[in-house]
Amino acid sequence: MHMNTLIRILFLLLLAAGTGAQAQTIVRRDPAIEGLVRGVSSDTLRSYVNALVSFGTRHTLSSTTDKRRGIGAAREWVLQQFRRFAAGSGGRMSVYLDSTTLRPDGRRVDTPISLGNAVAVLKGTDPADTRVYVITGHLDSRVTDVMNRTADAPGANDDGSGVAAVMECARLLSRRSFPATIIFVAVSGEEQSLLGATFMANKAKAQGLNIDALLNNDIMGSNNSSETNIIDNTRLRVFSEAFSVADTGRTFSNIRNYGLENDGRPRQLARYVKETGERYVDNLEVVLVYRNDRFLRGGDHTPFVQNGFAAVRLTEMNENFLHQHQDLRKVRDTVYGDLAEFMDFEYLRKNTAVNLATLANLAAAPAAPQDVRVEVRSLSNSTLLTWKAPATGRAAGYYVLVRETYWPLWQKKFYTTEPTLRLPYSKDNYFFAVQSVDAEGHESLPVVPVPAR
């Protein structure tokens, strides 16, 4: 081949490659949320964790009256920080201690205690919008003996990291307004059998609180693991339940009949966290673990799942059990104990930013579409979906999500401004869902269609 001809061919190939690159779809970030993510500070997170550690122990059964040591002093400090954030919220944020008295239970409570969750509520601006989004981390800490309330239990990572994430999200989001309400909670009693979360979840269910999603942050600030010695601050796990124990009767029959075992509301929320978190946070992969929690462990999202709410657990990828539930000690060259020196605050910054972006995107979005249905009255190799506009918020359009039945994540996304869409994909071979989306690109949680009969 003549040299000039070869050069021309190479030039055309390079030009075509450049044109293709120009034509690729770029991930769309909302500049406002992008700015909030940039505001997450690893130094501020470190200061929160160090302050929590300074209370010596935050054991649920420790003192609630001592001004310097114990869970009472720690939760009052968190409330003080919440009040400081509320002062700059233009009156939108309120702060309170949600408390109850618990009697001995014969298990992990051996004396009457005052159990209190530190709460900050950022009220939504739309009076008609009842949606509530919740972020939690647990305030209490422990050592090897779960009943030891006197020993130093720094709880830097478990779960000072989660409480720090809650506080940093409260600090940044309190400066903005959203149509929906966001609630920030430092929960007590997690180590004593999810006491504070159970109290809050049962109360929310009894009051009919419309919790659309809950993000529970527990052990999320360390980048390395014991035994395997993996060091990696680029992956974050999200645990999610398939469906709720409240899904009984016809609801459970429909799950089985339509093959929706992997499409309960917690799973939809987990996928949403992955898509949104990876959109806004660089150098971080959100890894979905399709089980409610780890073996032999539990988290504060569980009582909410059991009450029918969409709730997930965010936790570090590589856990180091030398620094969890351990008495402070040194054996030969190995240091045991949950100390801040074993944390990676840049990793915690990224994990906190995932929470912040998810909360902001959800609270800014319109409500989910209503009455989402798939036509099944005739045999066809296409799929007709219909839905109604959301109850609140202004939807500029809708995303229709598609994936093959064996695939864990949504594979395709189609946009329409109409309340119906026919797709050339067989309803027998694919799963579908529909999201509302506003003009700025904020999406609601997906809704899986039910058959139209």
Protein backbone atom coordinates (compact mmCIF):
# COMPACT_ATOMS: atom_id res chain seq x y z
CA MET A 1 0.00 0.00 0.00
CA HIS A 2 1.30 3.47 -0.87
CA MET A 3 2.54 5.42 2.15
CA ASN A 4 0.28 8.44 1.46
CA THR A 5 -2.76 6.17 1.22
CA LEU A 6 -1.86 4.54 4.53
CA ILE A 7 -1.48 7.94 6.20
CA ARG A 8 -4.88 9.04 4.89
CA ILE A 9 -6.52 5.86 6.21
CA LEU A 10 -4.93 6.32 9.64
CA PHE A 11 -6.06 9.96 9.68
CA LEU A 12 -9.65 8.98 8.85
CA LEU A 13 -9.63 6.30 11.55
CA LEU A 14 -8.39 8.79 14.13
CA LEU A 15 -10.99 11.31 13.00
CA ALA A 16 -13.74 8.72 13.29
CA ALA A 17 -12.55 7.76 16.78
CA GLY A 18 -12.53 11.40 17.82
CA THR A 19 -16.03 11.93 16.43
CA GLY A 20 -17.28 8.87 18.31
CA ALA A 21 -15.76 10.13 21.54
CA GLN A 22 -17.44 13.51 21.05
CA ALA A 23 -20.78 11.77 20.55
CA GLN A 24 -20.68 9.73 23.76
CA THR A 25 -23.21 10.52 26.45
CA ILE A 26 -21.60 12.30 29.40
CA VAL A 27 -22.81 11.61 32.93
CA ARG A 28 -24.99 14.55 33.94
CA ARG A 29 -24.19 16.02 37.34
CA ASP A 30 -26.32 18.68 39.00
CA PRO A 31 -23.88 21.55 39.75
CA ALA A 32 -25.59 22.18 43.10
CA ILE A 33 -25.11 18.60 44.28
CA GLU A 34 -21.61 18.58 42.82
CA GLY A 35 -20.84 21.63 44.95
CA LEU A 36 -22.20 19.94 48.07
CA VAL A 37 -20.03 16.89 47.41
CA ARG A 38 -16.95 19.09 47.09
CA GLY A 39 -17.81 20.57 50.49
CA VAL A 40 -17.43 17.24 52.34
CA SER A 41 -14.27 17.64 54.43
CA SER A 42 -12.03 14.82 55.64
CA ASP A 43 -10.61 17.17 58.28
CA THR A 44 -14.08 17.97 59.61
CA LEU A 45 -14.95 14.28 59.70
CA ARG A 46 -11.74 13.60 61.64
CA SER A 47 -12.66 16.31 64.16
CA TYR A 48 -16.09 14.76 64.70
CA VAL A 49 -14.60 11.30 65.29
CA ASN A 50 -11.95 12.63 67.68
CA ALA A 51 -14.62 14.47 69.65
CA LEU A 52 -16.74 11.32 69.95
CA VAL A 53 -13.72 9.28 71.07
CA SER A 54 -12.98 11.89 73.76
CA PHE A 55 -16.04 10.82 75.76
CA GLY A 56 -14.18 7.66 76.82
CA THR A 57 -17.07 5.28 76.34
CA ARG A 58 -20.41 5.69 74.62
CA HIS A 59 -21.81 2.40 75.86
CA THR A 60 -25.61 2.41 75.95
CA LEU A 61 -25.57 1.53 79.67
CA SER A 62 -22.97 4.18 80.55
CA SER A 63 -23.78 7.42 82.35
CA THR A 64 -26.40 9.77 80.95
CA THR A 65 -25.71 12.45 83.56
CA ASP A 66 -21.91 12.80 83.54
CA LYS A 67 -21.01 15.95 81.56
CA ARG A 68 -17.72 14.60 80.20
CA ARG A 69 -17.91 10.82 79.93
CA GLY A 70 -20.52 8.40 78.66
CA ILE A 71 -23.31 8.27 76.15
CA GLY A 72 -25.26 11.11 77.76
CA ALA A 73 -22.42 13.59 77.25
CA ALA A 74 -21.83 12.29 73.71
CA ARG A 75 -25.41 12.63 72.57
CA GLU A 76 -25.65 16.12 74.09
CA TRP A 77 -22.56 17.10 72.09
CA VAL A 78 -24.15 15.77 68.89
CA LEU A 79 -27.31 17.75 69.66
CA GLN A 80 -25.20 20.88 70.16
CA GLN A 81 -23.64 20.41 66.73
CA PHE A 82 -27.06 19.86 65.18
CA ARG A 83 -28.27 23.09 66.82
CA ARG A 84 -25.29 24.94 65.41
CA PHE A 85 -26.17 23.70 61.90
CA ALA A 86 -29.84 24.56 62.47
CA ALA A 87 -28.91 28.17 63.28
CA GLY A 88 -27.85 28.63 59.66
CA SER A 89 -30.81 26.81 58.11
CA GLY A 90 -33.22 29.73 57.91
CA GLY A 91 -35.56 28.06 60.37
CA ARG A 92 -35.92 24.88 58.30
CA MET A 93 -34.03 22.59 60.70
CA SER A 94 -35.29 21.54 64.13
CA VAL A 95 -33.35 19.49 66.70
CA TYR A 96 -34.47 17.28 69.56
CA LEU A 97 -33.67 14.21 71.66
CA ASP A 98 -36.15 11.43 70.95
CA SER A 99 -36.05 9.41 74.16
CA THR A 100 -37.77 6.55 75.93
CA THR A 101 -37.23 4.58 79.13
CA LEU A 102 -36.31 0.92 78.75
CA ARG A 103 -36.64 -1.72 81.45
CA PRO A 104 -34.22 -4.65 81.88
CA ASP A 105 -34.82 -7.23 79.16
CA GLY A 106 -32.86 -10.19 80.49
CA ARG A 107 -30.50 -9.97 77.54
CA ARG A 108 -28.35 -6.87 77.00
CA VAL A 109 -30.12 -4.39 79.27
CA ASP A 110 -29.72 -5.18 82.97
CA THR A 111 -30.90 -1.88 84.47
CA PRO A 112 -33.53 0.74 83.59
CA ILE A 113 -32.05 3.20 81.08
CA SER A 114 -32.98 6.41 79.32
CA LEU A 115 -32.50 5.61 75.64
CA GLY A 116 -32.17 8.63 73.38
CA ASN A 117 -31.69 9.23 69.66
CA ALA A 118 -30.22 12.61 68.67
CA VAL A 119 -32.37 13.93 65.81
CA ALA A 120 -32.23 16.85 63.38
CA VAL A 121 -35.09 17.39 60.92
CA LEU A 122 -34.63 19.47 57.75
CA LYS A 123 -38.24 20.20 56.84
CA GLY A 124 -39.23 20.00 53.19
CA THR A 125 -40.45 23.15 51.46
CA ASP A 126 -43.47 21.53 49.77
CA PRO A 127 -46.34 21.21 52.30
CA ALA A 128 -47.98 18.58 50.09
CA ASP A 129 -44.86 16.41 49.92
CA THR A 130 -44.90 13.86 52.75
CA ARG A 131 -41.76 12.00 51.68
CA VAL A 132 -39.06 11.57 54.32
CA TYR A 133 -35.44 10.53 53.76
CA VAL A 134 -33.40 9.35 56.74
CA ILE A 135 -29.67 8.92 57.38
CA THR A 136 -28.47 7.12 60.51
CA GLY A 137 -25.29 6.12 62.32
CA HIS A 138 -25.15 4.61 65.81
CA LEU A 139 -23.77 6.64 68.67
CA ASP A 140 -23.01 3.85 71.14
CA SER A 141 -19.75 1.91 71.39
CA ARG A 142 -18.51 -1.26 73.11
CA VAL A 143 -15.50 -3.43 73.91
CA THR A 144 -15.18 -7.24 73.97
CA ASP A 145 -17.78 -7.77 76.70
CA VAL A 146 -20.99 -6.28 75.39
CA MET A 147 -22.11 -5.54 78.97
CA ASN A 148 -18.92 -3.67 79.97
CA ARG A 149 -20.06 -0.07 80.38
CA THR A 150 -17.03 1.29 82.26
CA ALA A 151 -13.98 0.43 80.13
CA ASP A 152 -12.74 2.87 77.49
CA ALA A 153 -14.57 2.08 74.25
CA PRO A 154 -13.42 4.70 71.72
CA GLY A 155 -15.69 3.45 68.92
CA ALA A 156 -13.85 5.56 66.34
CA ASN A 157 -14.89 3.51 63.34
CA ASP A 158 -17.74 1.54 64.92
CA ASP A 159 -19.57 3.75 64.70
CA GLY A 160 -17.98 7.16 65.10
CA SER A 161 -17.50 7.02 61.33
CA GLY A 162 -21.24 6.65 60.71
CA VAL A 163 -22.20 9.39 63.16
CA ALA A 164 -19.58 11.68 61.58
CA ALA A 165 -21.13 11.02 58.16
CA VAL A 166 -24.59 11.89 59.52
CA MET A 167 -23.26 15.12 61.04
CA GLU A 168 -21.38 16.18 57.92
CA CYS A 169 -24.46 15.60 55.77
CA ALA A 170 -26.50 17.64 58.25
CA ARG A 171 -23.93 20.46 58.18
CA LEU A 172 -23.95 20.76 54.40
CA LEU A 173 -27.59 19.99 53.59
CA SER A 174 -28.91 22.34 56.30
CA ARG A 175 -27.77 25.23 54.06
CA ARG A 176 -30.06 24.12 51.22
CA SER A 177 -33.77 23.54 50.80
CA PHE A 178 -35.53 20.54 49.29
CA PRO A 179 -39.19 19.73 48.56
CA ALA A 180 -38.99 16.58 50.72
CA THR A 181 -37.88 16.24 54.34
CA ILE A 182 -34.49 14.85 55.43
CA ILE A 183 -33.94 13.47 58.94
CA PHE A 184 -30.47 13.02 60.47
CA VAL A 185 -30.20 10.61 63.41
CA ALA A 186 -27.43 9.49 65.78
CA VAL A 187 -29.04 6.31 67.08
CA SER A 188 -28.40 4.77 70.50
CA GLY A 189 -28.50 1.14 71.60
CA GLU A 190 -27.28 -0.55 68.41
CA GLU A 191 -24.79 -2.79 70.22
CA GLN A 192 -27.46 -3.80 72.75
CA SER A 193 -29.71 -5.26 70.00
CA LEU A 194 -30.74 -2.34 67.76
CA LEU A 195 -32.75 -0.69 70.55
CA GLY A 196 -32.82 2.91 69.32
CA ALA A 197 -33.51 1.96 65.71
CA THR A 198 -36.31 -0.39 66.74
CA PHE A 199 -37.85 2.36 68.86
CA MET A 200 -37.67 4.80 65.94
CA ALA A 201 -38.87 2.34 63.28
CA ASN A 202 -41.87 1.18 65.31
CA LYS A 203 -42.78 4.79 66.09
CA ALA A 204 -42.50 5.79 62.42
CA LYS A 205 -44.74 2.87 61.42
CA ALA A 206 -47.34 3.70 64.07
CA GLN A 207 -47.39 7.37 63.04
CA GLY A 208 -47.64 6.55 59.34
CA LEU A 209 -44.41 8.40 58.55
CA ASN A 210 -43.72 8.21 54.82
CA ILE A 211 -40.08 7.12 54.95
CA ASP A 212 -39.23 6.69 51.28
CA ALA A 213 -35.62 5.63 51.94
CA LEU A 214 -33.21 5.17 54.85
CA LEU A 215 -29.40 5.03 54.62
CA ASN A 216 -27.75 3.38 57.62
CA ASN A 217 -24.01 4.01 57.98
CA ASP A 218 -22.11 1.59 60.19
CA ILE A 219 -18.32 0.96 60.15
CA MET A 220 -17.35 2.91 57.05
CA GLY A 221 -14.01 4.57 57.70
CA SER A 222 -11.28 1.91 57.51
CA ASN A 223 -9.58 0.82 54.29
CA ASN A 224 -7.94 -2.46 55.37
CA SER A 225 -8.89 -5.95 56.50
CA SER A 226 -7.57 -8.42 59.03
CA GLU A 227 -6.44 -11.88 57.82
CA THR A 228 -6.45 -11.02 54.11
CA ASN A 229 -4.48 -7.75 54.61
CA ILE A 230 -6.27 -6.06 51.70
CA ILE A 231 -5.82 -2.28 51.60
CA ASP A 232 -8.27 -0.48 49.33
CA ASN A 233 -10.23 2.76 49.71
CA THR A 234 -11.97 2.61 46.33
CA ARG A 235 -14.92 0.31 47.13
CA LEU A 236 -17.94 0.72 49.42
CA ARG A 237 -20.46 -2.02 50.21
CA VAL A 238 -24.23 -1.52 50.28
CA PHE A 239 -26.22 -4.35 51.86
CA SER A 240 -29.89 -4.72 50.92
CA GLU A 241 -32.68 -7.14 51.74
CA ALA A 242 -34.63 -8.80 48.91
CA PHE A 243 -37.98 -7.84 50.39
CA SER A 244 -39.58 -7.20 53.77
CA VAL A 245 -41.04 -9.70 56.23
CA ALA A 246 -44.09 -7.43 55.97
CA ASP A 247 -44.53 -8.63 52.38
CA THR A 248 -47.04 -11.39 53.08
CA GLY A 249 -50.22 -12.75 51.53
CA ARG A 250 -50.98 -11.48 48.03
CA THR A 251 -47.89 -9.25 48.03
CA PHE A 252 -45.61 -12.23 48.58
CA SER A 253 -47.54 -14.32 46.05
CA ASN A 254 -46.99 -11.62 43.44
CA ILE A 255 -43.27 -11.51 44.24
CA ARG A 256 -43.06 -15.24 43.59
CA ASN A 257 -45.39 -15.33 40.58
CA TYR A 258 -43.72 -12.44 38.75
CA GLY A 259 -40.13 -13.38 39.67
CA LEU A 260 -39.55 -10.18 41.67
CA GLU A 261 -37.44 -11.74 44.43
CA ASN A 262 -34.62 -9.34 43.56
CA ASP A 263 -36.78 -6.24 43.13
CA GLY A 264 -38.02 -5.30 46.57
CA ARG A 265 -37.78 -1.66 47.64
CA PRO A 266 -34.49 -2.09 49.55
CA ARG A 267 -32.88 -3.53 46.39
CA GLN A 268 -34.20 -0.65 44.29
CA LEU A 269 -32.72 1.78 46.81
CA ALA A 270 -29.37 -0.03 46.74
CA ARG A 271 -29.19 0.28 42.95
CA TYR A 272 -30.10 3.95 43.25
CA VAL A 273 -27.27 4.50 45.76
CA LYS A 274 -24.83 2.85 43.38
CA GLU A 275 -25.87 4.89 40.33
CA THR A 276 -26.04 8.20 42.19
CA GLY A 277 -22.94 7.65 44.32
CA GLU A 278 -20.76 6.69 41.36
CA ARG A 279 -22.14 9.65 39.39
CA TYR A 280 -20.91 12.19 41.92
CA VAL A 281 -17.98 10.58 43.76
CA ASP A 282 -14.80 9.92 41.83
CA ASN A 283 -12.54 6.91 42.40
CA LEU A 284 -15.18 4.93 44.26
CA GLU A 285 -17.12 1.83 43.26
CA VAL A 286 -20.34 1.08 45.13
CA VAL A 287 -20.50 -2.70 45.52
CA LEU A 288 -23.98 -4.15 46.00
CA VAL A 289 -24.23 -7.11 48.38
CA TYR A 290 -27.56 -8.81 47.94
CA ARG A 291 -28.19 -9.81 51.55
CA ASN A 292 -29.50 -7.76 54.45
CA ASP A 293 -26.25 -7.83 56.44
CA ARG A 294 -23.11 -9.80 57.20
CA PHE A 295 -23.09 -13.17 58.96
CA LEU A 296 -23.43 -12.99 62.77
CA ARG A 297 -23.97 -9.21 62.58
CA GLY A 298 -26.87 -6.78 62.42
CA GLY A 299 -27.53 -3.13 61.69
CA ASP A 300 -29.97 -0.34 62.43
CA HIS A 301 -31.56 -0.56 58.97
CA THR A 302 -33.07 -3.95 59.86
CA PRO A 303 -35.99 -2.76 62.05
CA PHE A 304 -36.98 -0.38 59.25
CA VAL A 305 -36.92 -3.16 56.65
CA GLN A 306 -39.02 -5.30 58.99
CA ASN A 307 -41.56 -2.46 59.15
CA GLY A 308 -41.80 -2.30 55.36
CA PHE A 309 -39.51 0.69 54.69
CA ALA A 310 -36.79 0.82 52.03
CA ALA A 311 -33.58 0.75 54.08
CA VAL A 312 -29.99 -0.29 53.33
CA ARG A 313 -26.66 -0.52 55.14
CA LEU A 314 -23.52 1.25 53.88
CA THR A 315 -20.28 -0.17 55.25
CA GLU A 316 -16.60 -0.38 54.38
CA MET A 317 -15.42 -3.00 51.91
CA ASN A 318 -12.66 -4.53 54.05
CA GLU A 319 -13.34 -4.91 57.76
CA ASN A 320 -10.56 -5.26 60.32
CA PHE A 321 -11.86 -7.24 63.28
CA LEU A 322 -8.79 -6.37 65.37
CA HIS A 323 -10.35 -2.91 65.68
CA GLN A 324 -13.99 -3.85 66.33
CA HIS A 325 -15.53 -4.89 69.66
CA GLN A 326 -12.07 -5.18 71.24
CA ASP A 327 -10.64 -4.30 74.63
CA LEU A 328 -7.82 -1.78 74.24
CA ARG A 329 -4.57 -3.72 74.49
CA LYS A 330 -1.32 -4.63 72.78
CA VAL A 331 -0.25 -8.24 72.31
CA ARG A 332 3.32 -8.50 71.05
CA ASP A 333 3.28 -6.11 68.10
CA THR A 334 -0.48 -6.19 67.49
CA VAL A 335 -2.61 -3.32 68.73
CA TYR A 336 -6.27 -4.10 69.43
CA GLY A 337 -9.03 -1.52 69.75
CA ASP A 338 -11.24 0.79 67.71
CA LEU A 339 -8.95 3.83 67.53
CA ALA A 340 -9.01 6.73 65.07
CA GLU A 341 -5.39 6.03 64.08
CA PHE A 342 -6.59 2.98 62.16
CA MET A 343 -9.04 4.97 60.00
CA ASP A 344 -8.69 6.46 56.52
CA PHE A 345 -10.47 9.83 56.55
CA GLU A 346 -10.18 10.34 52.79
CA TYR A 347 -12.08 7.07 52.40
CA LEU A 348 -14.65 8.27 54.93
CA ARG A 349 -14.97 11.50 52.94
CA LYS A 350 -15.88 9.60 49.79
CA ASN A 351 -18.32 7.32 51.61
CA THR A 352 -19.97 10.31 53.26
CA ALA A 353 -20.28 12.00 49.87
CA VAL A 354 -22.18 8.98 48.53
CA ASN A 355 -24.76 9.49 51.27
CA LEU A 356 -24.96 13.22 50.68
CA ALA A 357 -25.42 12.93 46.90
CA THR A 358 -28.08 10.23 47.31
CA LEU A 359 -30.05 12.20 49.90
CA ALA A 360 -29.87 15.43 47.90
CA ASN A 361 -30.90 13.75 44.65
CA LEU A 362 -33.83 11.95 46.25
CA ALA A 363 -35.10 14.94 48.25
CA ALA A 364 -34.90 17.23 45.21
CA ALA A 365 -36.63 14.78 42.84
CA PRO A 366 -40.35 14.55 42.16
CA ALA A 367 -42.21 11.74 43.88
CA ALA A 368 -42.28 8.39 42.12
CA PRO A 369 -44.83 7.80 39.34
CA GLN A 370 -48.13 6.29 40.43
CA ASP A 371 -50.06 3.26 39.23
CA VAL A 372 -47.23 1.84 37.11
CA ARG A 373 -48.56 -1.06 35.03
CA VAL A 374 -47.46 -3.48 32.33
CA GLU A 375 -49.98 -4.70 29.75
CA VAL A 376 -50.33 -8.52 29.90
CA ARG A 377 -53.75 -9.09 28.35
CA SER A 378 -52.38 -10.20 25.00
CA LEU A 379 -49.48 -12.25 23.71
CA SER A 380 -46.80 -9.97 22.30
CA ASN A 381 -43.06 -9.65 21.89
CA SER A 382 -43.14 -5.99 22.83
CA THR A 383 -43.97 -4.39 26.18
CA LEU A 384 -46.47 -1.62 26.87
CA LEU A 385 -46.01 0.30 30.11
CA THR A 386 -48.37 2.94 31.52
CA TRP A 387 -48.31 5.11 34.64
CA LYS A 388 -49.68 8.27 36.22
CA ALA A 389 -47.93 11.47 37.20
CA PRO A 390 -46.37 11.68 40.69
CA ALA A 391 -48.49 12.95 43.56
CA THR A 392 -46.04 15.79 44.28
CA GLY A 393 -43.29 17.52 42.39
CA ARG A 394 -43.09 18.43 38.73
CA ALA A 395 -41.93 15.62 36.47
CA ALA A 396 -40.37 16.90 33.25
CA GLY A 397 -40.35 13.31 32.04
CA TYR A 398 -39.81 9.71 32.99
CA TYR A 399 -37.06 7.11 32.73
CA VAL A 400 -38.07 3.58 31.83
CA LEU A 401 -35.43 1.14 33.10
CA VAL A 402 -34.80 -2.27 31.54
CA ARG A 403 -32.69 -5.26 32.46
CA GLU A 404 -32.55 -8.95 31.69
CA THR A 405 -34.07 -11.14 34.39
CA TYR A 406 -30.75 -12.59 35.55
CA TRP A 407 -28.90 -9.27 35.56
CA PRO A 408 -28.38 -7.50 38.93
CA LEU A 409 -28.36 -3.89 37.64
CA TRP A 410 -30.45 -1.85 35.23
CA GLN A 411 -28.93 -2.13 31.76
CA LYS A 412 -30.91 0.36 29.64
CA LYS A 413 -32.67 3.63 30.31
CA PHE A 414 -35.26 5.24 28.00
CA TYR A 415 -36.59 8.78 28.40
CA THR A 416 -40.12 9.90 27.57
CA THR A 417 -42.34 12.84 28.42
CA GLU A 418 -45.51 10.75 28.00
CA PRO A 419 -47.16 8.59 30.68
CA THR A 420 -46.78 5.50 28.49
CA LEU A 421 -44.11 3.76 26.45
CA ARG A 422 -44.02 0.70 24.22
CA LEU A 423 -40.64 -0.98 23.92
CA PRO A 424 -39.44 -3.72 21.56
CA TYR A 425 -38.43 -5.92 24.49
CA SER A 426 -40.49 -8.91 25.56
CA LYS A 427 -42.07 -8.64 29.01
CA ASP A 428 -41.32 -12.35 29.39
CA ASN A 429 -37.55 -11.80 29.11
CA TYR A 430 -36.94 -8.50 30.89
CA PHE A 431 -37.70 -6.59 34.07
CA PHE A 432 -38.88 -2.98 33.89
CA ALA A 433 -39.26 -0.01 36.22
CA VAL A 434 -40.24 3.66 35.87
CA GLN A 435 -38.79 6.78 37.52
CA SER A 436 -40.02 10.37 37.58
CA VAL A 437 -37.34 12.90 36.63
CA ASP A 438 -37.37 16.70 36.87
CA ALA A 439 -35.85 19.28 34.54
CA GLU A 440 -32.54 19.21 36.46
CA GLY A 441 -32.23 15.42 36.17
CA HIS A 442 -33.14 14.40 39.74
CA GLU A 443 -34.74 10.95 39.63
CA SER A 444 -37.22 9.35 42.00
CA LEU A 445 -36.78 5.80 43.19
CA PRO A 446 -37.84 3.27 40.52
CA VAL A 447 -41.26 1.65 40.63
CA VAL A 448 -41.70 -1.88 39.27
CA PRO A 449 -44.93 -2.30 37.27
CA VAL A 450 -47.76 -4.61 38.22
CA PRO A 451 -49.78 -6.40 35.54
CA ALA A 452 -52.71 -4.48 34.10
CA ARG A 453 -55.76 -6.74 34.04
